[in-house]
Each structure stands twice: as structure tokens, then as C-alpha cells.
Amino acid sequence: MATLLLKNGERIYVDDDVLADIQNQSWSKCGKHDVKRSYRQGGKVRSERLLERIVGSPERGYVWGRRDDNWRNMQRDNLVLVPRERALFEGVTPQEIFERSSKAGKKGGPKAARSRKNNGSGYLGVYANGNRFKAMCVVGGVQRYLGLYETPQMAAYAYDEALKREGVEAVHNVSLPEEVAAIVRARVEKLLAK
């Protein structure tokens, strides 16, 4: 195990072979649990995440997590692929999840496609909107907005809840942690009550 000093003075732990490769570069903490560097290449500013340098990009829908929950430990044997949804909710209170989901950008995202295959999420009634997912459904012939959510699964759950409220069978049958599901249900109730 080797120690790498970041720009802000914090130390992280990496494998010896990784340190030999990155020690002459300037790395800094980005967000709560990420380390990256910015550099110029061909007249453009580029950035690189340390985790992706060490173990590569994660599969779609996954993020790199740590077995020991210490963000500073970036040794290969401590890194594990974690479903993005689980990583978003671990150590986060239900209220924080609700606030995160409701702090959506005001610009709006790409125009929603009509089919499930082209909507960017893989779920009927769920559309990619920047880095969040918008849920919409038709209730009584009127299209209703069901909110913006962190994951496509949360938005699909909101879609199903809106259908259940209208007495229609759920389409997706997505399961979420109970505290997250309760927040999504409350949000759908609030939006449909308008």
C-alpha cells in the first residue's frame, strides 16, 4: 500500500504499481468521494477520474464502491462494483433522497421519445432528463407529470404508483428500499392532488 498526497493535503491509499504511474500528476478531491485531475491535451482541458484510471469504467448502472466504506482506500482489492441505486441510497436519509430528487434543473432535457425503446431509460413513461429521469403518465386522458428522480427505477416506481392510484395494474413492478418507496409514493400523491 502506498500513500498519495492530494492538492488539498488529504491522503489517499493506492497500490504501489498505481502510485508509480500517477505520482507525478496533480490529483484533487472532487465531491465527497471522488478524486480526479484536469490536464490539457491538444489545446482542450480534459479530466480523468482516478478510479477509472485504476480499474476502468464501471458497467452501465453500476459505480465503484469500497468494501471498507473508506473513500480514501483506492486499492484494487478494496474496490467493488455496486448497483448505482444502492450506492445512491446507502448512508443517505430518506429526506435527503427526496430533496435530491426534487432539486431538478429548470431547463428540461431532451424531448421525450414516444416509445419505451428510445426514451433513454428502458421504462414506459420514464424519460431521461439530463442526469435525472422524468416520470409521466396519462390519467383520464390527461398527461400528468410525476416528478424528476435520481434513477430510472425510482421514476418507474412513481409511474406504477400513479397507475395503481387510478385502479390500473402496475406495469413495471420495480422494488425499492421501503423508505425510498414511501418518499416516492408521497411525492406522487402530492403531484396528482394538484
C-alpha atoms as a PDB file:
ATOM      1  CA  MET A   1       0.000   0.000   0.000  1.00  0.00           C
ATOM      2  CA  ALA A   2       1.240   3.480  -0.906  1.00  0.00           C
ATOM      3  CA  THR A   3       0.055   6.963   0.094  1.00  0.00           C
ATOM      4  CA  LEU A   4      -0.717   9.724  -2.411  1.00  0.00           C
ATOM      5  CA  LEU A   5      -0.996  13.339  -1.266  1.00  0.00           C
ATOM      6  CA  LEU A   6      -3.830  15.321  -2.897  1.00  0.00           C
ATOM      7  CA  LYS A   7      -3.727  19.072  -3.674  1.00  0.00           C
ATOM      8  CA  ASN A   8      -5.758  19.896  -0.560  1.00  0.00           C
ATOM      9  CA  GLY A   9      -3.363  17.970   1.717  1.00  0.00           C
ATOM     10  CA  GLU A  10      -5.554  14.885   2.217  1.00  0.00           C
ATOM     11  CA  ARG A  11      -4.003  11.464   1.751  1.00  0.00           C
ATOM     12  CA  ILE A  12      -5.415   8.513  -0.170  1.00  0.00           C
ATOM     13  CA  TYR A  13      -4.170   4.929  -0.321  1.00  0.00           C
ATOM     14  CA  VAL A  14      -3.386   3.174  -3.603  1.00  0.00           C
ATOM     15  CA  ASP A  15      -1.474   0.109  -4.761  1.00  0.00           C
ATOM     16  CA  ASP A  16       2.287   0.513  -5.235  1.00  0.00           C
ATOM     17  CA  ASP A  17       2.154  -0.014  -9.020  1.00  0.00           C
ATOM     18  CA  VAL A  18      -0.574   2.648  -9.345  1.00  0.00           C
ATOM     19  CA  LEU A  19       1.475   5.162  -7.357  1.00  0.00           C
ATOM     20  CA  ALA A  20       4.437   4.704  -9.703  1.00  0.00           C
ATOM     21  CA  ASP A  21       2.125   5.582 -12.617  1.00  0.00           C
ATOM     22  CA  ILE A  22       0.381   8.636 -11.093  1.00  0.00           C
ATOM     23  CA  GLN A  23       2.733  10.202  -8.526  1.00  0.00           C
ATOM     24  CA  ASN A  24       3.999  12.956 -10.863  1.00  0.00           C
ATOM     25  CA  GLN A  25       0.460  14.156 -11.653  1.00  0.00           C
ATOM     26  CA  SER A  26      -1.636  16.626  -9.657  1.00  0.00           C
ATOM     27  CA  TRP A  27      -4.809  14.987  -8.243  1.00  0.00           C
ATOM     28  CA  SER A  28      -7.543  16.696  -6.232  1.00  0.00           C
ATOM     29  CA  LYS A  29     -10.659  15.705  -4.333  1.00  0.00           C
ATOM     30  CA  CYS A  30     -13.866  16.211  -6.284  1.00  0.00           C
ATOM     31  CA  GLY A  31     -17.179  15.947  -4.424  1.00  0.00           C
ATOM     32  CA  LYS A  32     -17.430  13.754  -1.341  1.00  0.00           C
ATOM     33  CA  HIS A  33     -15.774  10.543  -2.500  1.00  0.00           C
ATOM     34  CA  ASP A  34     -14.047  11.138  -5.812  1.00  0.00           C
ATOM     35  CA  VAL A  35     -10.533  12.070  -6.924  1.00  0.00           C
ATOM     36  CA  LYS A  36      -9.707  13.450 -10.348  1.00  0.00           C
ATOM     37  CA  ARG A  37      -7.222  15.541 -12.266  1.00  0.00           C
ATOM     38  CA  SER A  38      -7.557  18.080 -15.051  1.00  0.00           C
ATOM     39  CA  TYR A  39      -4.988  18.422 -17.792  1.00  0.00           C
ATOM     40  CA  ARG A  40      -4.526  19.979 -21.239  1.00  0.00           C
ATOM     41  CA  GLN A  41      -4.349  17.887 -24.356  1.00  0.00           C
ATOM     42  CA  GLY A  42      -4.468  19.264 -27.878  1.00  0.00           C
ATOM     43  CA  GLY A  43      -5.492  22.715 -26.633  1.00  0.00           C
ATOM     44  CA  LYS A  44      -8.508  21.314 -24.699  1.00  0.00           C
ATOM     45  CA  VAL A  45      -8.953  20.808 -20.977  1.00  0.00           C
ATOM     46  CA  ARG A  46      -9.670  17.197 -20.133  1.00  0.00           C
ATOM     47  CA  SER A  47     -10.345  15.437 -16.843  1.00  0.00           C
ATOM     48  CA  GLU A  48      -9.675  11.933 -15.591  1.00  0.00           C
ATOM     49  CA  ARG A  49     -11.106  10.105 -12.576  1.00  0.00           C
ATOM     50  CA  LEU A  50      -8.585   8.164 -10.505  1.00  0.00           C
ATOM     51  CA  LEU A  51     -10.880   5.155 -10.040  1.00  0.00           C
ATOM     52  CA  GLU A  52     -11.291   4.787 -13.794  1.00  0.00           C
ATOM     53  CA  ARG A  53      -7.524   5.045 -14.200  1.00  0.00           C
ATOM     54  CA  ILE A  54      -7.043   2.240 -11.669  1.00  0.00           C
ATOM     55  CA  VAL A  55      -9.803  -0.216 -12.628  1.00  0.00           C
ATOM     56  CA  GLY A  56     -11.553   1.206 -15.705  1.00  0.00           C
ATOM     57  CA  SER A  57     -15.095   2.478 -16.219  1.00  0.00           C
ATOM     58  CA  PRO A  58     -17.880   0.588 -14.430  1.00  0.00           C
ATOM     59  CA  GLU A  59     -20.612  -1.206 -16.354  1.00  0.00           C
ATOM     60  CA  ARG A  60     -23.777   0.774 -17.115  1.00  0.00           C
ATOM     61  CA  GLY A  61     -25.933   1.089 -13.990  1.00  0.00           C
ATOM     62  CA  TYR A  62     -23.020   0.451 -11.619  1.00  0.00           C
ATOM     63  CA  VAL A  63     -20.492   2.588  -9.734  1.00  0.00           C
ATOM     64  CA  TRP A  64     -17.284   1.753  -7.920  1.00  0.00           C
ATOM     65  CA  GLY A  65     -17.800   1.252  -4.185  1.00  0.00           C
ATOM     66  CA  ARG A  66     -15.409   0.384  -1.361  1.00  0.00           C
ATOM     67  CA  ARG A  67     -15.592  -2.785   0.711  1.00  0.00           C
ATOM     68  CA  ASP A  68     -14.446  -0.940   3.855  1.00  0.00           C
ATOM     69  CA  ASP A  69     -16.559   2.233   3.183  1.00  0.00           C
ATOM     70  CA  ASN A  70     -13.412   4.383   3.414  1.00  0.00           C
ATOM     71  CA  TRP A  71     -13.348   6.649   0.358  1.00  0.00           C
ATOM     72  CA  ARG A  72      -9.591   7.185   0.797  1.00  0.00           C
ATOM     73  CA  ASN A  73      -8.784   3.481   0.261  1.00  0.00           C
ATOM     74  CA  MET A  74      -8.441   3.096  -3.518  1.00  0.00           C
ATOM     75  CA  GLN A  75      -6.580  -0.203  -3.580  1.00  0.00           C
ATOM     76  CA  ARG A  76      -7.836  -2.651  -6.226  1.00  0.00           C
ATOM     77  CA  ASP A  77      -8.803  -5.340  -3.700  1.00  0.00           C
ATOM     78  CA  ASN A  78     -10.980  -2.813  -1.827  1.00  0.00           C
ATOM     79  CA  LEU A  79     -12.962  -1.708  -4.916  1.00  0.00           C
ATOM     80  CA  VAL A  80     -16.197  -3.447  -5.821  1.00  0.00           C
ATOM     81  CA  LEU A  81     -18.933  -2.812  -8.397  1.00  0.00           C
ATOM     82  CA  VAL A  82     -22.145  -1.632  -6.694  1.00  0.00           C
ATOM     83  CA  PRO A  83     -25.541  -1.051  -8.355  1.00  0.00           C
ATOM     84  CA  ARG A  84     -25.941   2.716  -8.783  1.00  0.00           C
ATOM     85  CA  GLU A  85     -29.270   2.711  -6.948  1.00  0.00           C
ATOM     86  CA  ARG A  86     -27.756   1.071  -3.852  1.00  0.00           C
ATOM     87  CA  ALA A  87     -24.813   3.477  -3.850  1.00  0.00           C
ATOM     88  CA  LEU A  88     -27.183   6.445  -4.043  1.00  0.00           C
ATOM     89  CA  PHE A  89     -29.201   5.353  -1.019  1.00  0.00           C
ATOM     90  CA  GLU A  90     -26.605   3.957   1.402  1.00  0.00           C
ATOM     91  CA  GLY A  91     -25.854   6.365   4.214  1.00  0.00           C
ATOM     92  CA  VAL A  92     -28.423   8.862   2.933  1.00  0.00           C
ATOM     93  CA  THR A  93     -31.541   9.729   4.880  1.00  0.00           C
ATOM     94  CA  PRO A  94     -34.934   9.416   3.160  1.00  0.00           C
ATOM     95  CA  GLN A  95     -35.408  13.194   3.414  1.00  0.00           C
ATOM     96  CA  GLU A  96     -32.100  13.791   1.606  1.00  0.00           C
ATOM     97  CA  ILE A  97     -33.216  11.439  -1.187  1.00  0.00           C
ATOM     98  CA  PHE A  98     -36.464  13.384  -1.549  1.00  0.00           C
ATOM     99  CA  GLU A  99     -34.608  16.709  -1.639  1.00  0.00           C
ATOM    100  CA  ARG A 100     -32.146  15.356  -4.197  1.00  0.00           C
ATOM    101  CA  SER A 101     -34.993  14.193  -6.434  1.00  0.00           C
ATOM    102  CA  SER A 102     -36.874  17.472  -6.204  1.00  0.00           C
ATOM    103  CA  LYS A 103     -33.837  19.683  -6.973  1.00  0.00           C
ATOM    104  CA  ALA A 104     -34.119  19.273 -10.696  1.00  0.00           C
ATOM    105  CA  GLY A 105     -32.714  21.660 -13.235  1.00  0.00           C
ATOM    106  CA  LYS A 106     -35.193  24.153 -14.660  1.00  0.00           C
ATOM    107  CA  LYS A 107     -34.017  23.848 -18.263  1.00  0.00           C
ATOM    108  CA  GLY A 108     -35.578  20.468 -19.047  1.00  0.00           C
ATOM    109  CA  GLY A 109     -33.925  17.785 -21.054  1.00  0.00           C
ATOM    110  CA  PRO A 110     -34.191  16.300 -24.467  1.00  0.00           C
ATOM    111  CA  LYS A 111     -37.625  15.888 -25.972  1.00  0.00           C
ATOM    112  CA  ALA A 112     -39.127  12.665 -24.696  1.00  0.00           C
ATOM    113  CA  ALA A 113     -39.482   9.857 -27.194  1.00  0.00           C
ATOM    114  CA  ARG A 114     -42.800   8.071 -27.542  1.00  0.00           C
ATOM    115  CA  SER A 115     -41.550   4.504 -27.385  1.00  0.00           C
ATOM    116  CA  ARG A 116     -40.057   2.661 -24.442  1.00  0.00           C
ATOM    117  CA  LYS A 117     -37.047   1.640 -26.556  1.00  0.00           C
ATOM    118  CA  ASN A 118     -35.944   5.195 -27.369  1.00  0.00           C
ATOM    119  CA  ASN A 119     -36.751   7.075 -24.167  1.00  0.00           C
ATOM    120  CA  GLY A 120     -33.313   6.742 -22.576  1.00  0.00           C
ATOM    121  CA  SER A 121     -34.494   4.751 -19.560  1.00  0.00           C
ATOM    122  CA  GLY A 122     -35.881   1.423 -20.723  1.00  0.00           C
ATOM    123  CA  TYR A 123     -39.150   2.003 -18.818  1.00  0.00           C
ATOM    124  CA  LEU A 124     -42.525   3.019 -20.204  1.00  0.00           C
ATOM    125  CA  GLY A 125     -43.409   6.563 -19.072  1.00  0.00           C
ATOM    126  CA  VAL A 126     -39.856   7.305 -17.881  1.00  0.00           C
ATOM    127  CA  TYR A 127     -37.651   9.699 -19.841  1.00  0.00           C
ATOM    128  CA  ALA A 128     -34.032  10.744 -19.461  1.00  0.00           C
ATOM    129  CA  ASN A 129     -33.836  14.415 -18.475  1.00  0.00           C
ATOM    130  CA  GLY A 130     -30.215  15.447 -18.092  1.00  0.00           C
ATOM    131  CA  ASN A 131     -28.795  13.209 -15.364  1.00  0.00           C
ATOM    132  CA  ARG A 132     -32.240  12.576 -13.841  1.00  0.00           C
ATOM    133  CA  PHE A 133     -35.329  10.716 -15.006  1.00  0.00           C
ATOM    134  CA  LYS A 134     -38.782  12.211 -15.568  1.00  0.00           C
ATOM    135  CA  ALA A 135     -41.912  10.142 -14.952  1.00  0.00           C
ATOM    136  CA  MET A 136     -45.121  10.947 -16.837  1.00  0.00           C
ATOM    137  CA  CYS A 137     -48.368   9.063 -17.363  1.00  0.00           C
ATOM    138  CA  VAL A 138     -51.791   9.598 -18.886  1.00  0.00           C
ATOM    139  CA  VAL A 139     -54.586   9.723 -16.295  1.00  0.00           C
ATOM    140  CA  GLY A 140     -58.155  10.169 -17.527  1.00  0.00           C
ATOM    141  CA  GLY A 141     -56.939  11.274 -20.957  1.00  0.00           C
ATOM    142  CA  VAL A 142     -54.669  13.967 -19.468  1.00  0.00           C
ATOM    143  CA  GLN A 143     -50.891  13.660 -19.403  1.00  0.00           C
ATOM    144  CA  ARG A 144     -49.616  14.102 -15.844  1.00  0.00           C
ATOM    145  CA  TYR A 145     -46.119  14.980 -14.655  1.00  0.00           C
ATOM    146  CA  LEU A 146     -44.965  12.687 -11.819  1.00  0.00           C
ATOM    147  CA  GLY A 147     -41.625  14.323 -10.971  1.00  0.00           C
ATOM    148  CA  LEU A 148     -37.891  14.051 -11.613  1.00  0.00           C
ATOM    149  CA  TYR A 149     -35.966  11.239  -9.916  1.00  0.00           C
ATOM    150  CA  GLU A 150     -32.351  10.160  -9.386  1.00  0.00           C
ATOM    151  CA  THR A 151     -32.728   6.727 -11.001  1.00  0.00           C
ATOM    152  CA  PRO A 152     -34.954   5.249 -13.720  1.00  0.00           C
ATOM    153  CA  GLN A 153     -36.168   2.693 -11.144  1.00  0.00           C
ATOM    154  CA  MET A 154     -37.492   5.464  -8.870  1.00  0.00           C
ATOM    155  CA  ALA A 155     -39.288   7.090 -11.817  1.00  0.00           C
ATOM    156  CA  ALA A 156     -40.725   3.715 -12.924  1.00  0.00           C
ATOM    157  CA  TYR A 157     -41.966   3.152  -9.364  1.00  0.00           C
ATOM    158  CA  ALA A 158     -43.666   6.570  -9.466  1.00  0.00           C
ATOM    159  CA  TYR A 159     -45.301   5.624 -12.794  1.00  0.00           C
ATOM    160  CA  ASP A 160     -46.619   2.376 -11.295  1.00  0.00           C
ATOM    161  CA  GLU A 161     -47.916   4.187  -8.189  1.00  0.00           C
ATOM    162  CA  ALA A 162     -49.843   6.652 -10.346  1.00  0.00           C
ATOM    163  CA  LEU A 163     -51.403   3.766 -12.273  1.00  0.00           C
ATOM    164  CA  LYS A 164     -52.324   1.923  -9.055  1.00  0.00           C
ATOM    165  CA  ARG A 165     -53.952   5.107  -7.735  1.00  0.00           C
ATOM    166  CA  GLU A 166     -56.189   5.083 -10.826  1.00  0.00           C
ATOM    167  CA  GLY A 167     -57.032   1.394 -10.337  1.00  0.00           C
ATOM    168  CA  VAL A 168     -54.820   0.137 -13.162  1.00  0.00           C
ATOM    169  CA  GLU A 169     -52.385  -2.764 -12.756  1.00  0.00           C
ATOM    170  CA  ALA A 170     -48.703  -1.821 -12.366  1.00  0.00           C
ATOM    171  CA  VAL A 171     -46.570  -2.146 -15.492  1.00  0.00           C
ATOM    172  CA  HIS A 172     -43.003  -2.289 -14.150  1.00  0.00           C
ATOM    173  CA  ASN A 173     -43.279  -3.864 -10.658  1.00  0.00           C
ATOM    174  CA  VAL A 174     -39.995  -2.235  -9.580  1.00  0.00           C
ATOM    175  CA  SER A 175     -38.866  -2.791  -5.998  1.00  0.00           C
ATOM    176  CA  LEU A 176     -37.142  -0.056  -3.970  1.00  0.00           C
ATOM    177  CA  PRO A 177     -35.977   0.168  -0.357  1.00  0.00           C
ATOM    178  CA  GLU A 178     -39.091   0.851   1.774  1.00  0.00           C
ATOM    179  CA  GLU A 179     -38.064   4.338   2.945  1.00  0.00           C
ATOM    180  CA  VAL A 180     -37.346   5.377  -0.654  1.00  0.00           C
ATOM    181  CA  ALA A 181     -40.634   3.867  -1.868  1.00  0.00           C
ATOM    182  CA  ALA A 182     -42.518   5.826   0.821  1.00  0.00           C
ATOM    183  CA  ILE A 183     -40.935   9.080  -0.356  1.00  0.00           C
ATOM    184  CA  VAL A 184     -41.783   8.377  -3.992  1.00  0.00           C
ATOM    185  CA  ARG A 185     -45.390   7.471  -3.063  1.00  0.00           C
ATOM    186  CA  ALA A 186     -45.769  10.713  -1.085  1.00  0.00           C
ATOM    187  CA  ARG A 187     -44.377  12.731  -3.986  1.00  0.00           C
ATOM    188  CA  VAL A 188     -46.770  11.095  -6.481  1.00  0.00           C
ATOM    189  CA  GLU A 189     -49.727  11.732  -4.152  1.00  0.00           C
ATOM    190  CA  LYS A 190     -48.734  15.378  -3.847  1.00  0.00           C
ATOM    191  CA  LEU A 191     -48.307  15.868  -7.610  1.00  0.00           C
ATOM    192  CA  LEU A 192     -51.526  14.082  -8.547  1.00  0.00           C
ATOM    193  CA  ALA A 193     -53.502  16.026  -5.931  1.00  0.00           C
ATOM    194  CA  LYS A 194     -52.829  19.272  -7.813  1.00  0.00           C
END
